[in-house]
Amino acid sequence: MNRKATTLPVALVLVMLLAFPLFRSRLAAALRPLPRPAMAAGVGSPEPHPAIRMALRALISARQDLRHGARDFGGHRVRALRLTNEAIQQCRVALAYDRR
C-alpha cells in the first residue's frame, strides 16, 4: 500500500515536468505584464473596455486549445467548446452594444 501511495504523486510530478515545455510559451505570455491601455484615435482617452478585449483574446486562445484536444473527456470538451463560443459571442455583443 505504501508503494502505491508514493507512485501516484511521483507519476504526477513526472507528467507535469514532461508537459511543462509544451505550455512554456503560453505561461510566459500569461505572466507578461499587461500593456497600458492604448489611446483611442488621438482623443486622449484610453482604449474602451480593455478587460473585455483581453478576455476575448483569452477565450479565442482557449477555443483553439479545445478544438485541438486529443480526447473528448466524456463530452465535456465539446460542451466547453460550445460554452466558450457562446462567451466569445457575448463579449462581441457587449462591445458592439457599447458602440451604440
N, C-alpha and C. Protein backbone atom coordinates (compact mmCIF):
# COMPACT_ATOMS: atom_id res chain seq x y z
N MET A 1 0.82 -1.19 0.00
CA MET A 1 0.00 0.00 0.00
C MET A 1 0.87 1.25 0.00
N ASN A 2 1.97 1.22 0.73
CA ASN A 2 2.86 2.38 0.81
C ASN A 2 3.46 2.70 -0.55
N ARG A 3 3.78 1.68 -1.31
CA ARG A 3 4.35 1.90 -2.63
C ARG A 3 3.34 2.58 -3.56
N LYS A 4 2.08 2.19 -3.49
CA LYS A 4 1.04 2.82 -4.29
C LYS A 4 0.87 4.28 -3.90
N ALA A 5 1.00 4.57 -2.62
CA ALA A 5 0.81 5.93 -2.13
C ALA A 5 1.91 6.86 -2.65
N THR A 6 3.08 6.35 -2.91
CA THR A 6 4.16 7.21 -3.41
C THR A 6 4.24 7.18 -4.94
N THR A 7 3.74 6.14 -5.58
CA THR A 7 3.83 6.03 -7.03
C THR A 7 2.99 7.10 -7.73
N LEU A 8 1.79 7.33 -7.26
CA LEU A 8 0.91 8.30 -7.91
C LEU A 8 1.48 9.72 -7.86
N PRO A 9 1.90 10.24 -6.71
CA PRO A 9 2.48 11.59 -6.70
C PRO A 9 3.73 11.71 -7.57
N VAL A 10 4.55 10.69 -7.58
CA VAL A 10 5.77 10.72 -8.40
C VAL A 10 5.38 10.74 -9.87
N ALA A 11 4.40 9.95 -10.25
CA ALA A 11 3.94 9.92 -11.64
C ALA A 11 3.36 11.27 -12.05
N LEU A 12 2.60 11.89 -11.16
CA LEU A 12 2.03 13.21 -11.46
C LEU A 12 3.12 14.26 -11.66
N VAL A 13 4.14 14.22 -10.82
CA VAL A 13 5.24 15.17 -10.95
C VAL A 13 5.97 14.95 -12.28
N LEU A 14 6.18 13.71 -12.66
CA LEU A 14 6.85 13.42 -13.93
C LEU A 14 6.01 13.91 -15.12
N VAL A 15 4.72 13.69 -15.07
CA VAL A 15 3.85 14.16 -16.16
C VAL A 15 3.90 15.68 -16.25
N MET A 16 3.87 16.36 -15.11
CA MET A 16 3.92 17.82 -15.12
C MET A 16 5.25 18.31 -15.67
N LEU A 17 6.33 17.65 -15.31
CA LEU A 17 7.64 18.07 -15.81
C LEU A 17 7.77 17.83 -17.31
N LEU A 18 7.20 16.76 -17.80
CA LEU A 18 7.25 16.48 -19.23
C LEU A 18 6.33 17.40 -20.03
N ALA A 19 5.22 17.81 -19.44
CA ALA A 19 4.26 18.67 -20.15
C ALA A 19 4.67 20.13 -20.10
N PHE A 20 5.51 20.52 -19.16
CA PHE A 20 5.87 21.94 -19.00
C PHE A 20 6.42 22.57 -20.26
N PRO A 21 7.34 21.92 -21.01
CA PRO A 21 7.84 22.57 -22.23
C PRO A 21 6.75 22.86 -23.25
N LEU A 22 5.70 22.07 -23.27
CA LEU A 22 4.62 22.29 -24.22
C LEU A 22 3.85 23.57 -23.93
N PHE A 23 3.78 23.94 -22.66
CA PHE A 23 2.98 25.10 -22.27
C PHE A 23 3.83 26.29 -21.83
N ARG A 24 5.15 26.18 -21.98
CA ARG A 24 6.04 27.23 -21.51
C ARG A 24 5.76 28.57 -22.20
N SER A 25 5.53 28.56 -23.52
CA SER A 25 5.30 29.83 -24.22
C SER A 25 3.99 30.47 -23.79
N ARG A 26 2.96 29.66 -23.57
CA ARG A 26 1.68 30.20 -23.10
C ARG A 26 1.81 30.74 -21.69
N LEU A 27 2.58 30.05 -20.86
CA LEU A 27 2.78 30.50 -19.50
C LEU A 27 3.54 31.82 -19.48
N ALA A 28 4.56 31.92 -20.32
CA ALA A 28 5.33 33.15 -20.40
C ALA A 28 4.45 34.30 -20.87
N ALA A 29 3.59 34.05 -21.84
CA ALA A 29 2.69 35.09 -22.33
C ALA A 29 1.70 35.51 -21.25
N ALA A 30 1.24 34.56 -20.47
CA ALA A 30 0.27 34.87 -19.42
C ALA A 30 0.90 35.68 -18.29
N LEU A 31 2.20 35.47 -18.05
CA LEU A 31 2.87 36.15 -16.96
C LEU A 31 3.45 37.51 -17.35
N ARG A 32 3.44 37.84 -18.65
CA ARG A 32 3.93 39.14 -19.07
C ARG A 32 3.08 40.24 -18.47
N PRO A 33 3.68 41.38 -18.11
CA PRO A 33 2.85 42.47 -17.59
C PRO A 33 1.87 42.95 -18.65
N LEU A 34 0.72 43.36 -18.19
CA LEU A 34 -0.31 43.84 -19.12
C LEU A 34 0.10 45.18 -19.70
N PRO A 35 -0.17 45.37 -20.99
CA PRO A 35 0.17 46.66 -21.59
C PRO A 35 -0.75 47.75 -21.06
N ARG A 36 -0.26 48.96 -21.06
CA ARG A 36 -1.10 50.09 -20.65
C ARG A 36 -2.14 50.30 -21.74
N PRO A 37 -3.33 50.75 -21.37
CA PRO A 37 -4.37 50.97 -22.39
C PRO A 37 -3.90 51.96 -23.45
N ALA A 38 -4.16 51.61 -24.70
CA ALA A 38 -3.76 52.48 -25.81
C ALA A 38 -4.71 53.67 -25.89
N MET A 39 -4.19 54.76 -26.36
CA MET A 39 -5.03 55.93 -26.55
C MET A 39 -5.85 55.75 -27.82
N ALA A 40 -7.10 56.08 -27.75
CA ALA A 40 -8.01 55.85 -28.88
C ALA A 40 -8.00 57.06 -29.81
N ALA A 41 -7.55 56.84 -31.02
CA ALA A 41 -7.63 57.80 -32.13
C ALA A 41 -7.25 59.23 -31.75
N GLY A 42 -6.24 59.39 -30.94
CA GLY A 42 -5.74 60.72 -30.61
C GLY A 42 -6.68 61.54 -29.74
N VAL A 43 -7.73 60.95 -29.24
CA VAL A 43 -8.69 61.67 -28.43
C VAL A 43 -8.13 61.91 -27.04
N GLY A 44 -7.21 61.08 -26.62
CA GLY A 44 -6.64 61.22 -25.29
C GLY A 44 -7.33 60.36 -24.26
N SER A 45 -8.23 59.50 -24.69
CA SER A 45 -8.90 58.61 -23.75
C SER A 45 -8.36 57.19 -23.95
N PRO A 46 -8.31 56.41 -22.87
CA PRO A 46 -7.81 55.04 -23.02
C PRO A 46 -8.73 54.18 -23.87
N GLU A 47 -8.19 53.06 -24.33
CA GLU A 47 -8.99 52.13 -25.15
C GLU A 47 -10.22 51.72 -24.35
N PRO A 48 -11.39 51.71 -24.99
CA PRO A 48 -12.60 51.32 -24.26
C PRO A 48 -12.60 49.83 -23.93
N HIS A 49 -12.84 49.54 -22.69
CA HIS A 49 -13.05 48.18 -22.18
C HIS A 49 -11.87 47.24 -22.44
N PRO A 50 -10.69 47.57 -21.96
CA PRO A 50 -9.55 46.68 -22.20
C PRO A 50 -9.72 45.31 -21.56
N ALA A 51 -10.45 45.23 -20.45
CA ALA A 51 -10.64 43.93 -19.80
C ALA A 51 -11.48 43.00 -20.67
N ILE A 52 -12.51 43.53 -21.31
CA ILE A 52 -13.34 42.70 -22.18
C ILE A 52 -12.53 42.25 -23.39
N ARG A 53 -11.73 43.15 -23.95
CA ARG A 53 -10.91 42.78 -25.10
C ARG A 53 -9.86 41.73 -24.72
N MET A 54 -9.29 41.85 -23.53
CA MET A 54 -8.30 40.87 -23.07
C MET A 54 -8.99 39.51 -22.84
N ALA A 55 -10.18 39.53 -22.25
CA ALA A 55 -10.94 38.29 -22.05
C ALA A 55 -11.28 37.64 -23.38
N LEU A 56 -11.64 38.46 -24.36
CA LEU A 56 -11.96 37.94 -25.69
C LEU A 56 -10.76 37.24 -26.31
N ARG A 57 -9.57 37.84 -26.19
CA ARG A 57 -8.36 37.19 -26.72
C ARG A 57 -8.09 35.88 -25.99
N ALA A 58 -8.28 35.86 -24.67
CA ALA A 58 -8.05 34.63 -23.90
C ALA A 58 -9.05 33.54 -24.30
N LEU A 59 -10.29 33.92 -24.51
CA LEU A 59 -11.30 32.94 -24.92
C LEU A 59 -11.00 32.37 -26.30
N ILE A 60 -10.54 33.21 -27.21
CA ILE A 60 -10.20 32.72 -28.55
C ILE A 60 -9.03 31.74 -28.48
N SER A 61 -8.06 32.04 -27.62
CA SER A 61 -6.93 31.12 -27.43
C SER A 61 -7.40 29.79 -26.82
N ALA A 62 -8.29 29.88 -25.84
CA ALA A 62 -8.83 28.67 -25.21
C ALA A 62 -9.61 27.84 -26.21
N ARG A 63 -10.35 28.52 -27.10
CA ARG A 63 -11.11 27.80 -28.12
C ARG A 63 -10.19 26.98 -29.02
N GLN A 64 -9.04 27.56 -29.39
CA GLN A 64 -8.07 26.82 -30.21
C GLN A 64 -7.58 25.58 -29.47
N ASP A 65 -7.28 25.72 -28.19
CA ASP A 65 -6.83 24.57 -27.41
C ASP A 65 -7.91 23.49 -27.35
N LEU A 66 -9.15 23.90 -27.14
CA LEU A 66 -10.24 22.93 -27.06
C LEU A 66 -10.50 22.25 -28.40
N ARG A 67 -10.38 22.98 -29.48
CA ARG A 67 -10.59 22.38 -30.81
C ARG A 67 -9.58 21.29 -31.11
N HIS A 68 -8.36 21.46 -30.63
CA HIS A 68 -7.30 20.52 -30.96
C HIS A 68 -7.06 19.51 -29.85
N GLY A 69 -8.01 19.37 -28.94
CA GLY A 69 -7.87 18.40 -27.86
C GLY A 69 -7.85 16.98 -28.39
N ALA A 70 -7.02 16.16 -27.79
CA ALA A 70 -6.85 14.79 -28.26
C ALA A 70 -7.98 13.88 -27.77
N ARG A 71 -8.60 14.24 -26.66
CA ARG A 71 -9.64 13.38 -26.09
C ARG A 71 -10.93 14.15 -25.95
N ASP A 72 -12.02 13.42 -25.75
CA ASP A 72 -13.34 14.02 -25.62
C ASP A 72 -13.71 14.27 -24.16
N PHE A 73 -13.13 13.53 -23.24
CA PHE A 73 -13.41 13.65 -21.80
C PHE A 73 -14.91 13.50 -21.51
N GLY A 74 -15.49 12.48 -22.10
CA GLY A 74 -16.90 12.18 -21.82
C GLY A 74 -17.86 13.26 -22.28
N GLY A 75 -17.50 13.99 -23.33
CA GLY A 75 -18.36 15.03 -23.85
C GLY A 75 -18.12 16.40 -23.24
N HIS A 76 -17.28 16.47 -22.22
CA HIS A 76 -17.04 17.74 -21.53
C HIS A 76 -16.22 18.71 -22.39
N ARG A 77 -15.31 18.19 -23.20
CA ARG A 77 -14.53 19.09 -24.08
C ARG A 77 -15.44 19.76 -25.10
N VAL A 78 -16.36 18.99 -25.66
CA VAL A 78 -17.29 19.53 -26.65
C VAL A 78 -18.20 20.57 -25.99
N ARG A 79 -18.66 20.29 -24.80
CA ARG A 79 -19.52 21.26 -24.10
C ARG A 79 -18.73 22.52 -23.75
N ALA A 80 -17.49 22.35 -23.31
CA ALA A 80 -16.66 23.52 -23.00
C ALA A 80 -16.42 24.36 -24.25
N LEU A 81 -16.23 23.71 -25.38
CA LEU A 81 -16.05 24.43 -26.65
C LEU A 81 -17.31 25.22 -27.00
N ARG A 82 -18.47 24.61 -26.82
CA ARG A 82 -19.73 25.30 -27.11
C ARG A 82 -19.91 26.51 -26.19
N LEU A 83 -19.63 26.33 -24.91
CA LEU A 83 -19.78 27.43 -23.96
C LEU A 83 -18.75 28.53 -24.21
N THR A 84 -17.56 28.14 -24.64
CA THR A 84 -16.53 29.14 -24.98
C THR A 84 -16.97 29.95 -26.18
N ASN A 85 -17.54 29.30 -27.18
CA ASN A 85 -18.06 30.02 -28.35
C ASN A 85 -19.16 31.01 -27.94
N GLU A 86 -20.02 30.58 -27.01
CA GLU A 86 -21.07 31.48 -26.53
C GLU A 86 -20.48 32.67 -25.79
N ALA A 87 -19.44 32.44 -24.99
CA ALA A 87 -18.80 33.52 -24.25
C ALA A 87 -18.13 34.51 -25.20
N ILE A 88 -17.51 33.99 -26.26
CA ILE A 88 -16.89 34.86 -27.27
C ILE A 88 -17.96 35.73 -27.91
N GLN A 89 -19.07 35.13 -28.26
CA GLN A 89 -20.16 35.88 -28.89
C GLN A 89 -20.69 36.95 -27.94
N GLN A 90 -20.84 36.63 -26.66
CA GLN A 90 -21.35 37.60 -25.70
C GLN A 90 -20.38 38.78 -25.52
N CYS A 91 -19.08 38.50 -25.53
CA CYS A 91 -18.10 39.59 -25.44
C CYS A 91 -18.22 40.50 -26.66
N ARG A 92 -18.38 39.92 -27.83
CA ARG A 92 -18.52 40.73 -29.05
C ARG A 92 -19.81 41.54 -29.02
N VAL A 93 -20.87 40.95 -28.53
CA VAL A 93 -22.15 41.68 -28.43
C VAL A 93 -22.01 42.83 -27.44
N ALA A 94 -21.33 42.60 -26.34
CA ALA A 94 -21.13 43.67 -25.34
C ALA A 94 -20.34 44.83 -25.94
N LEU A 95 -19.28 44.53 -26.69
CA LEU A 95 -18.50 45.59 -27.31
C LEU A 95 -19.32 46.33 -28.36
N ALA A 96 -20.13 45.60 -29.13
CA ALA A 96 -20.96 46.24 -30.15
C ALA A 96 -22.04 47.09 -29.50
N TYR A 97 -22.59 46.65 -28.39
CA TYR A 97 -23.62 47.40 -27.68
C TYR A 97 -23.07 48.74 -27.19
N ASP A 98 -21.83 48.71 -26.73
CA ASP A 98 -21.24 49.94 -26.20
C ASP A 98 -21.00 50.97 -27.31
N ARG A 99 -20.85 50.53 -28.55
CA ARG A 99 -20.61 51.45 -29.65
C ARG A 99 -21.86 52.23 -30.05
N ARG A 100 -23.04 51.78 -29.58
CA ARG A 100 -24.28 52.47 -29.96
C ARG A 100 -24.42 53.78 -29.24
